[in-house]
Amino acid sequence: MSSDSLANSIFLARQPIFDNNLALFAYELLFRSNQTNQSGVDDINGDSATSQVINHTFLEFGIERVLGDKLGFINLTRAFLTGEISLPFDHKNIVLEVLEDIEIDDEIVQSVTHFSEQGFTIALDDFIYHEDFKPLVDVADIIKIDLLALTDEELAEHVNILKGFGVKLLAEKVETEAQFQRCKELGFDYYQGYFFCKPTIIDDKPLPDNKIAALHLLSELQRADINITEIDGLIKQDVSLSFKLLRCLNSASFALSKRVLSIKQAVICLGLDAVKSWATIIAFSNIDTPASTELLTTALVRAKMAEVLAPAFGCNSETAFMLGLFSVSDALFNKPMQELLAPLPIADTIKLALLDAEGPLGKLLMFVRTHERGSLTVMPKSLSIPDINQAFITATDWANHSLETIK
């Protein structure tokens, strides 16, 4: 398979990594093959494949569009680590991950030490401690531990041993709040997984006043029959929303010919749907909850990616965008999705997609969610891997700029 064909058979995704305060620390970049039977590459384990894909990603896409200002963790094969293949990036925003299946010998230790001396942060992936690995542990900055690979007793033992080396510990595959809290108690420093996308506590406690107000606002914004006067009055009731919305609409992102001074004027210039969408985004951004910034980022990436891919699934792009936005609402409000959606006047097709993954919208949302985790469901015939990568790059780049715009 040629270099271009190989690069076009690999899709790019990312997974967030958090610190103890659930602030975003970094992303792990995921490179996955959707044509392993054709390329002979299984999750990009070949040196030639890895070099072509990483170079393609950094040189063609511009990795800053995916990472923003955050660190990026990248798995590297032996040929990269030993210098046989040159790295297409410097140490400023990249963490080098040493894969668990690489044979640890003097050459690897010396090479990794050299990268460390150059300023690279070194991480050991899916690590299970053995005395033979001590020379590499001495060089490492971060050690990643797969929660599924160890019992709770073994996990505690690993923490005790590795903390003695002065390294930071990263828990992988954290899927629940309980796992997060357990790892935090043990002394982990970083956490990777999708626990933050789930409601932390499902109970009968009423929503706090600020979240009730936010839910009411979101409900009103989704009314199909809302008119210019009503949306103007609704947004004016929330001073923060009104200020942020006007500042956003007057930013360079919209490149309007003249300054917008009122919500009514904004509706005339941009249209009612555009103003409703941005007011909804800002309303979501005002909800304060653990990991709320990354939840909003996830919502924005899903929304834009769903919007771009919507035609391939036979969906309306504007509807797909709103679907992506509301897909994290249960985690933002910390309530079951069904309970939150019940009073909202959003389309039944969106509700069915969010609750039961039904219909074309449900298939689209499932596709975006599985891509987010580094895998793909069945693709429509009209979609190609380059299409998906371009949609993902567009979505992450747009989300980064949007978050800056609404700050």
Protein backbone atom coordinates (compact mmCIF):
# COMPACT_ATOMS: atom_id res chain seq x y z
CA MET A 1 0.00 0.00 0.00
CA SER A 2 1.36 3.43 -0.95
CA SER A 3 2.13 6.15 1.59
CA ASP A 4 -0.90 8.21 0.55
CA SER A 5 -3.20 5.17 0.56
CA LEU A 6 -2.00 4.16 4.00
CA ALA A 7 -2.46 7.66 5.43
CA ASN A 8 -5.97 7.72 3.95
CA SER A 9 -6.86 4.43 5.68
CA ILE A 10 -6.09 5.77 9.17
CA PHE A 11 -8.49 7.84 11.19
CA LEU A 12 -7.45 10.27 13.91
CA ALA A 13 -9.13 10.71 17.27
CA ARG A 14 -8.18 12.02 20.70
CA GLN A 15 -8.92 11.22 24.33
CA PRO A 16 -8.79 13.76 27.16
CA ILE A 17 -6.49 13.44 30.17
CA PHE A 18 -7.42 15.25 33.40
CA ASP A 19 -5.64 16.30 36.57
CA ASN A 20 -6.95 15.86 40.12
CA ASN A 21 -9.18 18.94 39.78
CA LEU A 22 -10.70 17.61 36.55
CA ALA A 23 -8.96 20.35 34.59
CA LEU A 24 -7.84 19.23 31.15
CA PHE A 25 -4.14 18.33 31.20
CA ALA A 26 -3.57 16.82 27.74
CA TYR A 27 -5.00 14.72 24.93
CA GLU A 28 -3.78 11.35 23.76
CA LEU A 29 -3.71 11.22 19.98
CA LEU A 30 -5.16 7.98 18.63
CA PHE A 31 -4.30 6.61 15.21
CA ARG A 32 -6.51 3.73 14.15
CA SER A 33 -6.70 1.65 10.99
CA ASN A 34 -10.10 0.88 9.51
CA GLN A 35 -8.59 -1.37 6.83
CA THR A 36 -6.27 -3.69 8.73
CA ASN A 37 -6.98 -6.53 6.31
CA GLN A 38 -5.74 -4.39 3.43
CA SER A 39 -2.85 -2.50 4.99
CA GLY A 40 -1.52 -5.20 7.27
CA VAL A 41 -1.50 -2.63 10.06
CA ASP A 42 -3.26 -3.43 13.30
CA ASP A 43 -3.72 -0.23 15.30
CA ILE A 44 -0.65 1.17 13.55
CA ASN A 45 1.90 -1.15 15.12
CA GLY A 46 4.30 -1.03 12.14
CA ASP A 47 7.21 1.43 12.06
CA SER A 48 6.64 2.37 8.42
CA ALA A 49 2.92 2.86 8.98
CA THR A 50 3.48 4.88 12.15
CA SER A 51 5.99 7.20 10.50
CA GLN A 52 3.76 7.83 7.49
CA VAL A 53 0.66 8.48 9.56
CA ILE A 54 2.34 10.72 12.14
CA ASN A 55 4.11 12.73 9.44
CA HIS A 56 0.85 13.03 7.50
CA THR A 57 -0.97 14.21 10.62
CA PHE A 58 1.59 16.82 11.63
CA LEU A 59 2.48 18.10 8.18
CA GLU A 60 -0.88 17.91 6.41
CA PHE A 61 -3.42 18.59 9.14
CA GLY A 62 -1.49 20.88 11.48
CA ILE A 63 -1.67 19.17 14.85
CA GLU A 64 -2.31 22.43 16.71
CA ARG A 65 -5.81 22.30 15.22
CA VAL A 66 -6.43 19.14 17.27
CA LEU A 67 -4.43 19.92 20.42
CA GLY A 68 -5.03 23.65 20.75
CA ASP A 69 -2.65 24.76 23.52
CA LYS A 70 -2.62 21.38 25.30
CA LEU A 71 -0.04 18.60 25.43
CA GLY A 72 -0.39 15.65 23.09
CA PHE A 73 0.54 12.08 24.07
CA ILE A 74 1.76 9.97 21.14
CA ASN A 75 2.59 6.24 21.10
CA LEU A 76 5.92 5.61 19.40
CA THR A 77 7.44 2.45 18.01
CA ARG A 78 11.03 1.32 18.51
CA ALA A 79 12.29 2.88 15.28
CA PHE A 80 11.17 6.33 16.40
CA LEU A 81 12.62 5.91 19.88
CA THR A 82 16.01 4.73 18.62
CA GLY A 83 16.25 7.53 16.05
CA GLU A 84 15.97 5.24 13.03
CA ILE A 85 13.00 7.39 11.98
CA SER A 86 13.12 11.12 12.76
CA LEU A 87 10.36 12.80 14.75
CA PRO A 88 8.46 15.52 12.86
CA PHE A 89 7.98 17.66 16.00
CA ASP A 90 9.89 19.18 18.90
CA HIS A 91 9.41 18.75 22.64
CA LYS A 92 7.20 21.78 23.29
CA ASN A 93 3.77 20.18 23.31
CA ILE A 94 4.38 16.46 22.82
CA VAL A 95 4.68 13.62 25.35
CA LEU A 96 6.47 10.54 24.01
CA GLU A 97 4.82 7.28 25.03
CA VAL A 98 6.91 4.10 25.18
CA LEU A 99 4.61 1.22 24.26
CA GLU A 100 4.35 -1.74 26.61
CA ASP A 101 5.39 -4.28 23.97
CA ILE A 102 8.74 -2.65 23.18
CA GLU A 103 11.70 -4.71 24.40
CA ILE A 104 13.51 -2.74 27.08
CA ASP A 105 17.25 -2.95 26.42
CA ASP A 106 20.26 -0.65 26.69
CA GLU A 107 19.57 0.94 23.30
CA ILE A 108 16.02 1.91 24.27
CA VAL A 109 17.09 3.23 27.69
CA GLN A 110 19.86 5.33 26.13
CA SER A 111 17.59 6.64 23.41
CA VAL A 112 14.76 7.55 25.78
CA THR A 113 17.29 9.21 28.11
CA HIS A 114 18.51 11.28 25.15
CA PHE A 115 14.95 12.42 24.35
CA SER A 116 14.45 13.32 28.01
CA GLU A 117 17.61 15.42 27.99
CA GLN A 118 16.27 17.21 24.90
CA GLY A 119 13.26 18.33 26.93
CA PHE A 120 10.67 15.73 25.96
CA THR A 121 8.27 14.45 28.59
CA ILE A 122 8.49 10.64 28.71
CA ALA A 123 5.51 8.39 29.51
CA LEU A 124 5.43 4.60 29.85
CA ASP A 125 2.23 3.12 28.46
CA ASP A 126 0.14 0.28 29.99
CA PHE A 127 2.89 -0.27 32.53
CA ILE A 128 3.21 -3.31 34.79
CA TYR A 129 6.26 -3.04 37.06
CA HIS A 130 9.19 -5.45 36.90
CA GLU A 131 12.71 -4.95 38.28
CA ASP A 132 14.10 -5.21 34.74
CA PHE A 133 12.21 -2.01 33.87
CA LYS A 134 13.82 0.08 36.63
CA PRO A 135 16.34 1.85 34.31
CA LEU A 136 13.46 3.10 32.16
CA VAL A 137 11.35 4.07 35.17
CA ASP A 138 14.26 6.22 36.35
CA VAL A 139 13.99 8.22 33.11
CA ALA A 140 10.19 8.42 32.90
CA ASP A 141 8.12 11.43 33.95
CA ILE A 142 4.68 9.79 33.73
CA ILE A 143 3.64 6.15 34.07
CA LYS A 144 0.28 5.06 32.67
CA ILE A 145 -1.51 2.18 34.37
CA ASP A 146 -4.42 0.34 32.76
CA LEU A 147 -7.06 -0.19 35.45
CA LEU A 148 -8.34 -3.30 33.68
CA ALA A 149 -4.92 -5.00 33.82
CA LEU A 150 -4.60 -5.09 37.63
CA THR A 151 -6.66 -6.08 40.64
CA ASP A 152 -7.33 -3.41 43.24
CA GLU A 153 -4.64 -4.92 45.46
CA GLU A 154 -2.11 -4.96 42.61
CA LEU A 155 -3.04 -1.39 41.74
CA ALA A 156 -2.31 -0.19 45.27
CA GLU A 157 0.98 -2.09 45.27
CA HIS A 158 2.04 -0.49 41.98
CA VAL A 159 1.27 2.97 43.33
CA ASN A 160 3.40 2.34 46.43
CA ILE A 161 6.34 1.10 44.37
CA LEU A 162 6.23 3.72 41.63
CA LYS A 163 5.67 6.73 43.86
CA GLY A 164 9.13 5.97 45.25
CA PHE A 165 10.60 6.89 41.87
CA GLY A 166 9.09 10.38 41.93
CA VAL A 167 7.03 9.86 38.78
CA LYS A 168 3.51 11.07 38.05
CA LEU A 169 0.89 8.32 37.72
CA LEU A 170 -1.84 8.29 35.10
CA ALA A 171 -4.85 5.98 35.40
CA GLU A 172 -6.13 4.71 32.04
CA LYS A 173 -9.64 3.48 31.19
CA VAL A 174 -11.34 5.34 34.02
CA GLU A 175 -15.01 4.88 33.18
CA THR A 176 -16.83 5.66 36.43
CA GLU A 177 -16.82 8.28 39.16
CA ALA A 178 -16.04 5.52 41.68
CA GLN A 179 -12.91 4.52 39.76
CA PHE A 180 -11.81 8.13 39.58
CA GLN A 181 -12.27 8.62 43.32
CA ARG A 182 -10.47 5.35 44.12
CA CYS A 183 -7.46 6.29 41.98
CA LYS A 184 -7.41 9.75 43.49
CA GLU A 185 -7.31 8.23 46.99
CA LEU A 186 -4.43 5.95 45.96
CA GLY A 187 -2.37 8.92 44.80
CA PHE A 188 -2.76 9.11 41.03
CA ASP A 189 -2.08 12.44 39.35
CA TYR A 190 -3.84 12.12 35.99
CA TYR A 191 -6.90 10.30 34.62
CA GLN A 192 -7.87 9.16 31.14
CA GLY A 193 -11.30 7.87 30.23
CA TYR A 194 -14.90 8.90 29.71
CA PHE A 195 -16.13 9.02 33.30
CA PHE A 196 -16.52 12.80 32.96
CA CYS A 197 -19.19 12.35 30.27
CA LYS A 198 -21.54 10.57 32.65
CA PRO A 199 -23.72 11.98 35.44
CA THR A 200 -21.79 11.50 38.69
CA ILE A 201 -24.82 11.04 40.96
CA ILE A 202 -28.30 10.02 39.93
CA ASP A 203 -30.69 10.95 42.71
CA ASP A 204 -33.91 12.78 43.45
CA LYS A 205 -32.28 15.98 44.65
CA PRO A 206 -33.75 19.04 42.94
CA LEU A 207 -31.56 21.03 40.58
CA PRO A 208 -29.94 24.12 42.12
CA ASP A 209 -31.49 27.45 41.16
CA ASN A 210 -28.77 28.33 38.64
CA LYS A 211 -29.27 25.06 36.75
CA ILE A 212 -33.06 25.43 36.84
CA ALA A 213 -32.65 28.87 35.27
CA ALA A 214 -30.28 27.43 32.65
CA LEU A 215 -32.69 24.61 31.82
CA HIS A 216 -35.57 27.07 31.47
CA LEU A 217 -33.48 29.22 29.16
CA LEU A 218 -32.48 26.23 27.04
CA SER A 219 -36.10 25.12 26.88
CA GLU A 220 -37.29 28.50 25.65
CA LEU A 221 -34.49 28.74 23.10
CA GLN A 222 -35.57 25.43 21.53
CA ARG A 223 -39.17 26.51 20.91
CA ALA A 224 -39.91 26.21 17.22
CA ASP A 225 -42.32 29.18 17.30
CA ILE A 226 -40.08 31.66 19.16
CA ASN A 227 -39.90 35.01 17.34
CA ILE A 228 -37.40 37.87 17.24
CA THR A 229 -39.11 39.90 19.98
CA GLU A 230 -39.34 36.90 22.30
CA ILE A 231 -35.73 35.82 21.83
CA ASP A 232 -34.59 39.41 22.32
CA GLY A 233 -36.48 39.63 25.62
CA LEU A 234 -35.35 36.18 26.74
CA ILE A 235 -31.65 36.87 26.19
CA LYS A 236 -31.85 40.34 27.74
CA GLN A 237 -33.06 38.75 31.00
CA ASP A 238 -29.63 37.15 31.41
CA VAL A 239 -27.06 39.94 31.46
CA SER A 240 -24.12 37.53 31.19
CA LEU A 241 -25.66 35.73 28.22
CA SER A 242 -26.53 38.98 26.46
CA PHE A 243 -23.02 40.39 26.95
CA LYS A 244 -21.23 37.20 25.86
CA LEU A 245 -23.49 36.71 22.86
CA LEU A 246 -22.99 40.23 21.51
CA ARG A 247 -19.24 40.04 22.14
CA CYS A 248 -19.14 36.69 20.35
CA LEU A 249 -21.15 37.88 17.34
CA ASN A 250 -18.92 40.95 17.01
CA SER A 251 -15.73 38.88 17.07
CA ALA A 252 -13.48 38.34 14.06
CA SER A 253 -14.99 34.86 13.68
CA PHE A 254 -18.16 36.34 12.18
CA ALA A 255 -16.48 39.12 10.16
CA LEU A 256 -19.65 41.24 10.10
CA SER A 257 -19.45 44.44 8.03
CA LYS A 258 -20.73 46.56 10.93
CA ARG A 259 -20.91 46.18 14.68
CA VAL A 260 -24.02 44.46 16.08
CA LEU A 261 -25.47 46.46 18.97
CA SER A 262 -28.62 44.48 19.82
CA ILE A 263 -30.01 40.96 19.72
CA LYS A 264 -32.66 42.05 17.21
CA GLN A 265 -29.97 43.43 14.94
CA ALA A 266 -28.02 40.17 15.30
CA VAL A 267 -31.07 38.15 14.23
CA ILE A 268 -31.53 40.38 11.17
CA CYS A 269 -27.83 40.01 10.20
CA LEU A 270 -27.31 36.32 10.97
CA GLY A 271 -30.77 34.79 11.10
CA LEU A 272 -32.81 33.44 13.99
CA ASP A 273 -31.36 29.92 13.89
CA ALA A 274 -27.76 31.15 14.12
CA VAL A 275 -28.52 33.38 17.10
CA LYS A 276 -30.44 30.56 18.83
CA SER A 277 -27.52 28.18 18.28
CA TRP A 278 -24.93 30.56 19.72
CA ALA A 279 -27.19 31.53 22.62
CA THR A 280 -27.59 27.81 23.36
CA ILE A 281 -23.82 27.26 23.26
CA ILE A 282 -23.23 30.15 25.66
CA ALA A 283 -26.02 28.97 27.95
CA PHE A 284 -24.28 25.59 28.16
CA SER A 285 -20.95 27.30 28.83
CA ASN A 286 -22.42 29.09 31.85
CA ILE A 287 -23.29 25.81 33.61
CA ASP A 288 -20.68 25.14 36.27
CA THR A 289 -20.04 21.49 37.00
CA PRO A 290 -16.93 19.26 37.39
CA ALA A 291 -15.03 19.06 34.08
CA SER A 292 -17.55 21.50 32.58
CA THR A 293 -15.00 23.02 30.19
CA GLU A 294 -14.12 19.68 28.62
CA LEU A 295 -17.78 18.66 28.61
CA LEU A 296 -18.54 21.78 26.59
CA THR A 297 -15.57 21.03 24.32
CA THR A 298 -16.91 17.51 23.79
CA ALA A 299 -20.35 18.91 23.01
CA LEU A 300 -18.95 21.41 20.51
CA VAL A 301 -16.79 18.83 18.74
CA ARG A 302 -19.71 16.39 18.55
CA ALA A 303 -22.04 19.14 17.32
CA LYS A 304 -19.78 20.38 14.54
CA MET A 305 -18.69 16.88 13.49
CA ALA A 306 -22.32 15.74 13.39
CA GLU A 307 -23.23 18.83 11.38
CA VAL A 308 -20.50 18.15 8.81
CA LEU A 309 -21.28 14.42 8.51
CA ALA A 310 -25.09 14.82 8.60
CA PRO A 311 -25.70 14.59 4.81
CA ALA A 312 -23.98 11.18 4.67
CA PHE A 313 -26.51 9.89 7.23
CA GLY A 314 -29.49 11.55 5.57
CA CYS A 315 -29.86 14.09 8.38
CA ASN A 316 -30.47 17.82 8.52
CA SER A 317 -27.23 19.59 9.45
CA GLU A 318 -28.82 22.11 11.86
CA THR A 319 -30.70 19.36 13.67
CA ALA A 320 -27.51 17.27 13.86
CA PHE A 321 -25.67 20.22 15.38
CA MET A 322 -28.23 20.60 18.18
CA LEU A 323 -28.14 16.84 18.74
CA GLY A 324 -24.39 17.01 19.42
CA LEU A 325 -24.78 19.95 21.77
CA PHE A 326 -27.43 18.24 23.89
CA SER A 327 -25.59 14.91 23.99
CA VAL A 328 -23.71 15.89 27.18
CA SER A 329 -26.61 17.59 28.96
CA ASP A 330 -27.11 14.72 31.43
CA ALA A 331 -23.51 15.10 32.64
CA LEU A 332 -23.77 18.90 32.76
CA PHE A 333 -26.97 18.85 34.81
CA ASN A 334 -26.11 15.62 36.63
CA LYS A 335 -29.53 14.15 35.90
CA PRO A 336 -30.84 11.29 33.73
CA MET A 337 -31.20 12.28 30.08
CA GLN A 338 -34.85 11.21 29.97
CA GLU A 339 -35.72 13.49 32.90
CA LEU A 340 -33.96 16.46 31.32
CA LEU A 341 -35.45 16.03 27.87
CA ALA A 342 -39.04 15.55 28.99
CA PRO A 343 -39.87 19.28 29.40
CA LEU A 344 -37.72 20.49 26.49
CA PRO A 345 -39.56 21.40 23.25
CA ILE A 346 -36.92 19.82 21.01
CA ALA A 347 -37.79 17.56 18.09
CA ASP A 348 -38.83 14.00 18.88
CA THR A 349 -36.18 12.77 16.42
CA ILE A 350 -33.49 14.36 18.62
CA LYS A 351 -34.99 12.92 21.79
CA LEU A 352 -35.18 9.41 20.31
CA ALA A 353 -31.58 9.67 19.10
CA LEU A 354 -30.35 10.82 22.52
CA LEU A 355 -32.32 8.26 24.51
CA ASP A 356 -32.32 5.16 22.31
CA ALA A 357 -29.96 5.90 19.38
CA GLU A 358 -32.99 5.55 17.08
CA GLY A 359 -33.30 6.70 13.51
CA PRO A 360 -30.71 8.31 11.22
CA LEU A 361 -29.82 10.85 13.93
CA GLY A 362 -29.23 8.02 16.39
CA LYS A 363 -26.86 6.31 13.94
CA LEU A 364 -25.05 9.60 13.39
CA LEU A 365 -24.62 10.23 17.11
CA MET A 366 -23.44 6.66 17.68
CA PHE A 367 -20.89 7.09 14.89
CA VAL A 368 -19.53 10.34 16.38
CA ARG A 369 -19.37 8.83 19.87
CA THR A 370 -17.55 5.68 18.77
CA HIS A 371 -15.08 7.75 16.76
CA GLU A 372 -14.45 9.76 19.92
CA ARG A 373 -13.33 6.55 21.64
CA GLY A 374 -11.01 5.56 18.83
CA SER A 375 -13.21 3.13 16.92
CA LEU A 376 -15.81 3.28 14.19
CA THR A 377 -19.23 1.77 13.64
CA VAL A 378 -20.35 0.86 10.11
CA MET A 379 -19.74 3.80 7.80
CA PRO A 380 -22.15 4.99 5.13
CA LYS A 381 -20.81 4.13 1.67
CA SER A 382 -20.63 7.82 0.83
CA LEU A 383 -18.07 8.43 3.62
CA SER A 384 -14.33 7.84 3.41
CA ILE A 385 -11.61 7.95 6.07
CA PRO A 386 -10.29 11.28 4.70
CA ASP A 387 -13.84 12.66 4.97
CA ILE A 388 -14.00 11.61 8.62
CA ASN A 389 -10.56 13.01 9.41
CA GLN A 390 -11.42 16.31 7.76
CA ALA A 391 -14.68 16.49 9.72
CA PHE A 392 -12.81 15.78 12.95
CA ILE A 393 -10.10 18.37 12.26
CA THR A 394 -12.75 20.93 11.31
CA ALA A 395 -14.72 20.15 14.49
CA THR A 396 -11.77 20.36 16.90
CA ASP A 397 -10.42 23.52 15.27
CA TRP A 398 -13.86 25.14 15.37
CA ALA A 399 -14.42 24.09 18.98
CA ASN A 400 -11.07 25.58 20.04
CA HIS A 401 -11.86 28.90 18.35
CA SER A 402 -15.43 28.94 19.69
CA LEU A 403 -14.29 28.43 23.27
CA GLU A 404 -11.89 31.34 22.91
CA THR A 405 -14.65 33.47 21.41
CA ILE A 406 -17.17 32.92 24.21
CA LYS A 407 -14.78 33.28 27.16
